[in-house]
C-alpha atoms as a PDB file:
ATOM      1  CA  PHE A   1     234.560-110.512  88.273  1.00  0.00           C
ATOM      2  CA  VAL A   2     233.248-108.227  91.015  1.00  0.00           C
ATOM      3  CA  THR A   3     229.715-108.636  92.316  1.00  0.00           C
ATOM      4  CA  GLU A   4     228.077-106.841  95.216  1.00  0.00           C
ATOM      5  CA  GLY A   5     231.318-104.985  95.873  1.00  0.00           C
ATOM      6  CA  ARG A   6     233.500-108.061  96.332  1.00  0.00           C
ATOM      7  CA  LEU A   7     235.737-110.173  94.177  1.00  0.00           C
ATOM      8  CA  ALA A   8     233.807-113.264  93.086  1.00  0.00           C
ATOM      9  CA  ALA A   9     235.949-114.788  90.330  1.00  0.00           C
ATOM     10  CA  VAL A  10     239.161-114.349  88.365  1.00  0.00           C
ATOM     11  CA  LEU A  11     239.913-115.464  84.825  1.00  0.00           C
ATOM     12  CA  SER A  12     243.582-115.643  83.973  1.00  0.00           C
ATOM     13  CA  VAL A  13     244.761-115.793  80.370  1.00  0.00           C
ATOM     14  CA  GLN A  14     248.452-116.347  79.835  1.00  0.00           C
ATOM     15  CA  GLN A  15     250.941-117.019  77.104  1.00  0.00           C
ATOM     16  CA  SER A  16     254.423-118.437  77.524  1.00  0.00           C
ATOM     17  CA  SER A  17     256.117-115.460  75.874  1.00  0.00           C
ATOM     18  CA  PRO A  18     255.389-111.768  76.532  1.00  0.00           C
ATOM     19  CA  ARG A  19     253.156-110.044  74.016  1.00  0.00           C
ATOM     20  CA  ALA A  20     250.774-107.126  73.594  1.00  0.00           C
ATOM     21  CA  TRP A  21     247.113-108.166  73.533  1.00  0.00           C
ATOM     22  CA  SER A  22     244.977-106.465  70.896  1.00  0.00           C
ATOM     23  CA  GLU A  23     241.728-104.735  71.827  1.00  0.00           C
ATOM     24  CA  ALA A  24     239.804-107.438  69.960  1.00  0.00           C
ATOM     25  CA  GLU A  25     241.521-110.154  71.985  1.00  0.00           C
ATOM     26  CA  VAL A  26     240.799-108.358  75.244  1.00  0.00           C
ATOM     27  CA  ARG A  27     237.135-107.933  74.248  1.00  0.00           C
ATOM     28  CA  LEU A  28     236.958-111.627  73.374  1.00  0.00           C
ATOM     29  CA  ILE A  29     238.423-112.610  76.735  1.00  0.00           C
ATOM     30  CA  CYS A  30     235.966-110.308  78.516  1.00  0.00           C
ATOM     31  CA  GLU A  31     233.099-111.872  76.565  1.00  0.00           C
ATOM     32  CA  ILE A  32     234.292-115.360  77.505  1.00  0.00           C
ATOM     33  CA  ALA A  33     234.511-114.319  81.157  1.00  0.00           C
ATOM     34  CA  ASP A  34     231.009-112.804  81.083  1.00  0.00           C
ATOM     35  CA  ARG A  35     229.496-115.876  79.431  1.00  0.00           C
ATOM     36  CA  THR A  36     231.297-118.216  81.819  1.00  0.00           C
ATOM     37  CA  TRP A  37     230.001-116.246  84.806  1.00  0.00           C
ATOM     38  CA  ALA A  38     226.459-116.272  83.378  1.00  0.00           C
ATOM     39  CA  THR A  39     226.652-120.046  82.871  1.00  0.00           C
ATOM     40  CA  LEU A  40     227.836-120.592  86.440  1.00  0.00           C
ATOM     41  CA  ASP A  41     225.186-118.220  87.764  1.00  0.00           C
ATOM     42  CA  ARG A  42     222.468-120.105  85.889  1.00  0.00           C
ATOM     43  CA  ALA A  43     223.772-123.447  87.187  1.00  0.00           C
ATOM     44  CA  ARG A  44     223.604-122.114  90.762  1.00  0.00           C
ATOM     45  CA  PHE A  45     220.053-120.857  90.146  1.00  0.00           C
ATOM     46  CA  GLU A  46     218.969-124.210  88.702  1.00  0.00           C
ATOM     47  CA  GLU A  47     220.458-126.012  91.703  1.00  0.00           C
ATOM     48  CA  ARG A  48     218.515-123.765  94.091  1.00  0.00           C
ATOM     49  CA  MET A  49     215.333-124.362  92.087  1.00  0.00           C
ATOM     50  CA  ALA A  50     215.835-128.133  92.221  1.00  0.00           C
ATOM     51  CA  GLU A  51     216.324-127.962  95.995  1.00  0.00           C
ATOM     52  CA  SER A  52     213.190-125.831  96.336  1.00  0.00           C
ATOM     53  CA  GLU A  53     211.187-128.236  94.167  1.00  0.00           C
ATOM     54  CA  ALA A  54     212.376-131.200  96.235  1.00  0.00           C
ATOM     55  CA  LEU A  55     211.375-129.437  99.440  1.00  0.00           C
ATOM     56  CA  LEU A  56     207.923-128.613  98.063  1.00  0.00           C
ATOM     57  CA  ALA A  57     207.439-132.188  96.840  1.00  0.00           C
ATOM     58  CA  THR A  58     208.420-133.603 100.232  1.00  0.00           C
ATOM     59  CA  PHE A  59     206.113-131.181 102.024  1.00  0.00           C
ATOM     60  CA  MET A  60     203.153-131.967  99.782  1.00  0.00           C
ATOM     61  CA  GLU A  61     203.704-135.730  99.933  1.00  0.00           C
ATOM     62  CA  ASN A  62     203.949-135.807 103.720  1.00  0.00           C
ATOM     63  CA  ALA A  63     201.421-133.180 104.787  1.00  0.00           C
ATOM     64  CA  PRO A  64     198.599-134.691 106.861  1.00  0.00           C
ATOM     65  CA  ILE A  65     196.084-132.305 105.258  1.00  0.00           C
ATOM     66  CA  GLY A  66     194.876-131.732 101.724  1.00  0.00           C
ATOM     67  CA  MET A  67     197.089-129.381  99.738  1.00  0.00           C
ATOM     68  CA  HIS A  68     196.972-128.204  96.154  1.00  0.00           C
ATOM     69  CA  LEU A  69     198.507-125.668  93.810  1.00  0.00           C
ATOM     70  CA  LYS A  70     196.589-123.922  91.055  1.00  0.00           C
ATOM     71  CA  ASP A  71     197.760-121.847  88.126  1.00  0.00           C
ATOM     72  CA  ALA A  72     196.522-118.324  87.341  1.00  0.00           C
ATOM     73  CA  ALA A  73     193.543-119.783  85.434  1.00  0.00           C
ATOM     74  CA  GLY A  74     192.458-121.777  88.486  1.00  0.00           C
ATOM     75  CA  ARG A  75     193.532-125.154  87.110  1.00  0.00           C
ATOM     76  CA  TYR A  76     195.031-127.661  89.501  1.00  0.00           C
ATOM     77  CA  ILE A  77     198.692-128.119  88.731  1.00  0.00           C
ATOM     78  CA  ARG A  78     199.598-130.174  91.757  1.00  0.00           C
ATOM     79  CA  ILE A  79     197.646-132.007  94.448  1.00  0.00           C
ATOM     80  CA  ASN A  80     198.738-134.225  97.284  1.00  0.00           C
ATOM     81  CA  GLN A  81     197.371-137.639  98.221  1.00  0.00           C
ATOM     82  CA  GLU A  82     194.908-136.184 100.724  1.00  0.00           C
ATOM     83  CA  VAL A  83     193.206-134.074  98.015  1.00  0.00           C
ATOM     84  CA  ALA A  84     193.274-136.965  95.552  1.00  0.00           C
ATOM     85  CA  ALA A  85     191.575-139.223  98.135  1.00  0.00           C
ATOM     86  CA  ALA A  86     188.947-136.589  98.923  1.00  0.00           C
ATOM     87  CA  TYR A  87     188.036-136.091  95.231  1.00  0.00           C
ATOM     88  CA  GLY A  88     188.393-139.748  94.328  1.00  0.00           C
END
């Protein structure tokens, strides 16, 4: 698999005796490779999101000032202890 102009991964499919692979088999192997790469890519993304969430949580929990997050409708979705204390 090549991404951003460099080799990122290799999938090797082998059989003990020489043979000619059919087009359907090659397509299947390519599909397996694509799905495997997508799964790994998603796992990396989820790991980065978890790290980002942990960093945000630590920041909000330890900030010496009131902090909050609101959604697009203006509803509070997250507040820290300083805001909770101020609003009771």
